[in-house]
Amino acid sequence: MKILLKSLKSIKLVYTLCLVLMSTSSSFAQNFTGRVTYMSHKSIDLKLDSTKYDLETRNKLQGFFTKQFQDEYVLDFSATTSLYSEQDKISLNSTSKIGRDKLHKNFKTKFYTRKLELLGKVFLIEDSIKSKNWEIKNETKNIGNYTCTKATYNYKKNDSLIKVTAWFTKEIPVSNGPDIYDGLPGLILQVDDGFYAILSTKVELNTENTIKLPKGGKVVTQNEYDAIYAEKQKEGKSKARAYLQGIESSKN
């Protein structure tokens, strides 16, 4: 009988310890905060005609446009909300660019708000956070001081299949990441969708963050904004072609 009582007491003690550990872990996750700096690189392939442009000119133009589309972002996060903000920068022609892209996520309401500027007009995108069908792979690598695991998923946008590869770390227990990417069992430190490559350059934990909801601008859904952007992109490509034609004419 005494042995049975001792066994029951031991089981009760183990159960109590498990509850304490679970409670501590949950409390830790709920109070977890941090700040991550990311560098975003846009993939640029000018596909210049080698019969019209020598290698040096092609490399210079490729490098110029690549640097023009490099941007620094900061992700301030807690367990339930985050703000992903574009940082100010000085462009190659010494003009300043004010970081206007701000993405706020609220994982309690499952909604996001994104404030950005397109050709001088400010938009405020309000839409729901979409779930992502991630497939976690058996591949790991180190990014900075963190061991990261590979994950992939595909989605369609404007009739195109976007293939996303991400690297996340379970050492930072928040299901978040840069830009629209989230939904993994750890913070995403690197992601590439074939158009943009985003890599963390600095990680700070237990920071005192001020996460504010962006305000101001024309309110649209994500689909409405995508349609507007596609139209403006066509105009931008026409201007780029005119720029290259001007270079070609100056050489003749």
Protein backbone atom coordinates (compact mmCIF):
# COMPACT_ATOMS: atom_id res chain seq x y z
CA MET A 1 0.00 0.00 0.00
CA LYS A 2 2.84 2.39 0.93
CA ILE A 3 4.56 1.60 -2.35
CA LEU A 4 1.35 2.39 -4.25
CA LEU A 5 0.97 5.71 -2.43
CA LYS A 6 4.57 6.62 -3.20
CA SER A 7 4.01 5.78 -6.88
CA LEU A 8 0.88 7.95 -6.98
CA LYS A 9 2.74 10.82 -5.34
CA SER A 10 5.55 10.49 -7.89
CA ILE A 11 3.08 10.53 -10.78
CA LYS A 12 1.35 13.59 -9.30
CA LEU A 13 4.71 15.36 -8.92
CA VAL A 14 5.69 14.63 -12.53
CA TYR A 15 2.27 15.83 -13.73
CA THR A 16 2.59 19.05 -11.73
CA LEU A 17 6.07 19.70 -13.12
CA CYS A 18 4.78 19.17 -16.68
CA LEU A 19 2.00 21.69 -16.09
CA VAL A 20 4.49 24.22 -14.73
CA LEU A 21 6.80 23.75 -17.69
CA MET A 22 3.92 24.05 -20.17
CA SER A 23 2.67 27.18 -18.44
CA THR A 24 6.17 28.71 -18.44
CA SER A 25 6.68 27.86 -22.10
CA SER A 26 3.31 29.35 -23.06
CA SER A 27 3.98 32.50 -21.05
CA PHE A 28 7.43 32.82 -22.66
CA ALA A 29 5.97 32.56 -26.17
CA GLN A 30 3.24 35.10 -25.38
CA ASN A 31 5.76 37.65 -24.10
CA PHE A 32 8.39 36.98 -26.75
CA THR A 33 9.50 40.07 -28.71
CA GLY A 34 12.25 40.88 -31.15
CA ARG A 35 13.55 42.95 -34.02
CA VAL A 36 15.09 41.56 -37.20
CA THR A 37 16.78 43.53 -39.97
CA TYR A 38 16.41 42.13 -43.49
CA MET A 39 17.95 43.01 -46.84
CA SER A 40 15.62 42.58 -49.80
CA HIS A 41 17.06 41.98 -53.28
CA LYS A 42 14.90 42.07 -56.39
CA SER A 43 15.89 39.70 -59.20
CA ILE A 44 16.74 41.76 -62.27
CA ASP A 45 17.63 40.23 -65.64
CA LEU A 46 17.84 42.87 -68.37
CA LYS A 47 18.57 40.29 -71.10
CA LEU A 48 20.68 42.78 -73.07
CA ASP A 49 21.63 41.88 -76.62
CA SER A 50 25.32 40.86 -76.58
CA THR A 51 25.65 41.96 -80.22
CA LYS A 52 24.73 45.54 -79.25
CA TYR A 53 26.28 45.86 -75.77
CA ASP A 54 29.75 44.76 -74.74
CA LEU A 55 30.27 42.76 -71.53
CA GLU A 56 31.41 45.75 -69.49
CA THR A 57 28.31 47.79 -70.40
CA ARG A 58 26.00 44.85 -69.69
CA ASN A 59 27.59 44.27 -66.28
CA LYS A 60 27.41 47.97 -65.35
CA LEU A 61 23.74 48.23 -66.30
CA GLN A 62 22.90 44.98 -64.52
CA GLY A 63 24.71 46.16 -61.38
CA PHE A 64 23.04 49.58 -61.50
CA PHE A 65 19.51 48.23 -61.70
CA THR A 66 20.22 45.49 -59.13
CA LYS A 67 21.40 48.03 -56.53
CA GLN A 68 18.44 50.28 -57.25
CA PHE A 69 16.15 47.48 -56.09
CA GLN A 70 17.99 46.63 -52.86
CA ASP A 71 16.07 47.70 -49.77
CA GLU A 72 16.46 47.32 -46.02
CA TYR A 73 13.50 46.35 -43.85
CA VAL A 74 13.00 45.93 -40.10
CA LEU A 75 10.55 43.44 -38.57
CA ASP A 76 9.38 44.32 -35.06
CA PHE A 77 7.39 41.42 -33.65
CA SER A 78 5.59 40.01 -30.66
CA ALA A 79 3.77 36.67 -30.41
CA THR A 80 0.55 38.12 -31.89
CA THR A 81 1.44 41.21 -33.93
CA SER A 82 4.24 42.57 -36.08
CA LEU A 83 5.28 45.55 -38.20
CA TYR A 84 7.54 45.10 -41.24
CA SER A 85 8.89 48.53 -42.24
CA GLU A 86 10.96 49.70 -45.19
CA GLN A 87 13.90 51.86 -44.09
CA ASP A 88 15.01 55.17 -45.58
CA LYS A 89 17.99 55.03 -47.92
CA ILE A 90 20.25 57.12 -50.16
CA SER A 91 20.03 56.03 -53.80
CA LEU A 92 22.95 55.83 -56.23
CA ASN A 93 22.27 59.32 -57.58
CA SER A 94 22.54 60.66 -53.99
CA THR A 95 18.82 61.31 -53.64
CA SER A 96 17.04 60.11 -50.52
CA LYS A 97 14.26 57.55 -50.57
CA ILE A 98 11.79 57.53 -47.71
CA GLY A 99 10.71 54.06 -46.66
CA ARG A 100 6.95 54.05 -47.09
CA ASP A 101 6.19 50.32 -47.23
CA LYS A 102 4.75 49.21 -43.87
CA LEU A 103 3.09 45.84 -43.28
CA HIS A 104 1.19 45.18 -40.06
CA LYS A 105 0.01 41.67 -39.16
CA ASN A 106 -2.44 40.77 -36.42
CA PHE A 107 -2.50 37.03 -35.85
CA LYS A 108 -5.40 37.24 -33.41
CA THR A 109 -7.76 38.73 -36.00
CA LYS A 110 -5.91 37.06 -38.91
CA PHE A 111 -5.85 40.34 -40.82
CA TYR A 112 -3.05 42.44 -42.24
CA THR A 113 -2.79 46.10 -43.18
CA ARG A 114 -0.17 47.31 -45.65
CA LYS A 115 0.58 50.96 -46.39
CA LEU A 116 2.65 51.70 -49.46
CA GLU A 117 3.13 54.27 -52.19
CA LEU A 118 2.81 53.65 -55.91
CA LEU A 119 3.91 56.46 -58.22
CA GLY A 120 3.09 59.16 -55.70
CA LYS A 121 -0.25 57.71 -54.55
CA VAL A 122 -0.63 56.13 -51.12
CA PHE A 123 -2.61 52.90 -50.73
CA LEU A 124 -3.78 51.08 -47.63
CA ILE A 125 -4.30 47.37 -48.33
CA GLU A 126 -6.57 45.58 -45.87
CA ASP A 127 -7.05 41.84 -46.26
CA SER A 128 -6.97 38.51 -44.45
CA ILE A 129 -3.78 36.58 -43.69
CA LYS A 130 -3.77 33.58 -46.01
CA SER A 131 -2.71 30.16 -44.73
CA LYS A 132 0.25 28.66 -46.56
CA ASN A 133 0.66 25.00 -47.36
CA TRP A 134 4.31 24.72 -46.31
CA GLU A 135 6.25 21.52 -46.86
CA ILE A 136 9.09 21.20 -44.34
CA LYS A 137 12.22 19.53 -45.74
CA ASN A 138 14.99 17.53 -44.10
CA GLU A 139 17.59 20.19 -44.89
CA THR A 140 19.26 22.57 -42.47
CA LYS A 141 21.84 25.33 -42.62
CA ASN A 142 23.13 28.11 -40.39
CA ILE A 143 22.12 31.72 -40.85
CA GLY A 144 24.11 33.82 -38.43
CA ASN A 145 23.93 32.10 -35.04
CA TYR A 146 20.75 30.16 -35.82
CA THR A 147 20.16 26.69 -37.21
CA CYS A 148 17.50 26.93 -39.90
CA THR A 149 15.29 24.37 -41.62
CA LYS A 150 14.18 24.53 -45.24
CA ALA A 151 10.50 24.79 -46.21
CA THR A 152 8.75 25.29 -49.55
CA TYR A 153 5.31 26.05 -50.93
CA ASN A 154 3.76 27.13 -54.22
CA TYR A 155 0.97 29.57 -54.98
CA LYS A 156 -0.60 31.20 -58.03
CA LYS A 157 -0.48 34.91 -58.78
CA ASN A 158 -1.70 36.49 -62.02
CA ASP A 159 -1.80 33.04 -63.68
CA SER A 160 1.84 32.41 -62.71
CA LEU A 161 3.05 29.69 -60.34
CA ILE A 162 5.25 31.22 -57.62
CA LYS A 163 7.69 28.80 -55.99
CA VAL A 164 8.79 29.90 -52.53
CA THR A 165 11.76 28.59 -50.56
CA ALA A 166 12.18 29.67 -46.94
CA TRP A 167 14.59 28.96 -44.09
CA PHE A 168 13.18 29.23 -40.57
CA THR A 169 14.58 28.69 -37.09
CA LYS A 170 12.76 27.00 -34.22
CA GLU A 171 15.13 28.81 -31.86
CA ILE A 172 12.91 31.90 -32.25
CA PRO A 173 9.42 30.52 -31.47
CA VAL A 174 7.21 32.90 -33.47
CA SER A 175 5.29 31.85 -36.58
CA ASN A 176 6.23 34.93 -38.58
CA GLY A 177 8.71 36.27 -41.10
CA PRO A 178 9.49 39.04 -43.57
CA ASP A 179 6.88 40.48 -45.92
CA ILE A 180 3.85 38.21 -46.42
CA TYR A 181 5.66 35.08 -45.28
CA ASP A 182 4.65 33.33 -42.05
CA GLY A 183 2.99 30.14 -40.82
CA LEU A 184 6.05 28.04 -39.96
CA PRO A 185 7.01 26.72 -36.48
CA GLY A 186 9.70 29.38 -36.08
CA LEU A 187 10.82 32.74 -37.44
CA ILE A 188 11.75 32.89 -41.14
CA LEU A 189 15.24 34.32 -41.61
CA GLN A 190 15.56 33.84 -45.37
CA VAL A 191 13.05 33.54 -48.22
CA ASP A 192 13.20 33.55 -52.02
CA ASP A 193 10.21 33.52 -54.39
CA GLY A 194 12.14 33.90 -57.65
CA PHE A 195 11.44 37.63 -57.79
CA TYR A 196 12.67 38.78 -54.39
CA ALA A 197 15.32 37.28 -52.13
CA ILE A 198 15.15 38.41 -48.49
CA LEU A 199 17.90 37.64 -45.97
CA SER A 200 18.21 38.58 -42.30
CA THR A 201 21.33 40.56 -41.43
CA LYS A 202 20.71 41.25 -37.73
CA VAL A 203 18.58 39.64 -35.01
CA GLU A 204 17.75 41.28 -31.66
CA LEU A 205 15.56 39.54 -29.06
CA ASN A 206 13.52 40.81 -26.12
CA THR A 207 13.33 44.32 -27.55
CA GLU A 208 10.86 47.02 -26.50
CA ASN A 209 8.82 47.36 -29.67
CA THR A 210 6.22 49.93 -30.64
CA ILE A 211 3.97 48.18 -33.15
CA LYS A 212 1.47 50.64 -34.60
CA LEU A 213 -1.21 50.04 -37.21
CA PRO A 214 -0.45 52.00 -40.43
CA LYS A 215 -3.06 54.61 -41.33
CA GLY A 216 -3.88 56.86 -44.29
CA GLY A 217 -4.21 56.21 -48.01
CA LYS A 218 -6.82 54.76 -50.36
CA VAL A 219 -8.25 51.58 -48.84
CA VAL A 220 -8.19 48.61 -51.24
CA THR A 221 -8.08 44.83 -51.11
CA GLN A 222 -4.98 42.91 -52.19
CA ASN A 223 -6.60 41.89 -55.49
CA GLU A 224 -7.56 45.49 -56.26
CA TYR A 225 -4.04 46.70 -55.59
CA ASP A 226 -2.48 43.91 -57.69
CA ALA A 227 -4.57 45.01 -60.69
CA ILE A 228 -3.44 48.62 -60.28
CA TYR A 229 0.19 47.56 -59.89
CA ALA A 230 0.09 45.37 -63.02
CA GLU A 231 -1.06 48.33 -65.11
CA LYS A 232 1.65 50.63 -63.72
CA GLN A 233 4.26 47.90 -64.30
CA LYS A 234 3.47 47.92 -68.02
CA GLU A 235 4.10 51.66 -68.09
CA GLY A 236 7.41 51.16 -66.25
CA LYS A 237 8.64 48.58 -68.76
CA SER A 238 7.94 51.00 -71.61
CA LYS A 239 10.07 53.65 -69.90
CA ALA A 240 12.91 51.15 -69.35
CA ARG A 241 12.90 50.22 -73.04
CA ALA A 242 13.03 53.91 -73.96
CA TYR A 243 16.03 54.36 -71.62
CA LEU A 244 17.95 51.52 -73.26
CA GLN A 245 17.11 52.81 -76.72
CA GLY A 246 18.55 56.15 -75.69
CA ILE A 247 21.83 54.47 -74.68
CA GLU A 248 21.95 52.65 -77.99
CA SER A 249 21.32 55.85 -79.96
CA SER A 250 24.09 57.71 -78.11
CA LYS A 251 26.59 55.03 -79.14
CA ASN A 252 25.77 55.36 -82.86
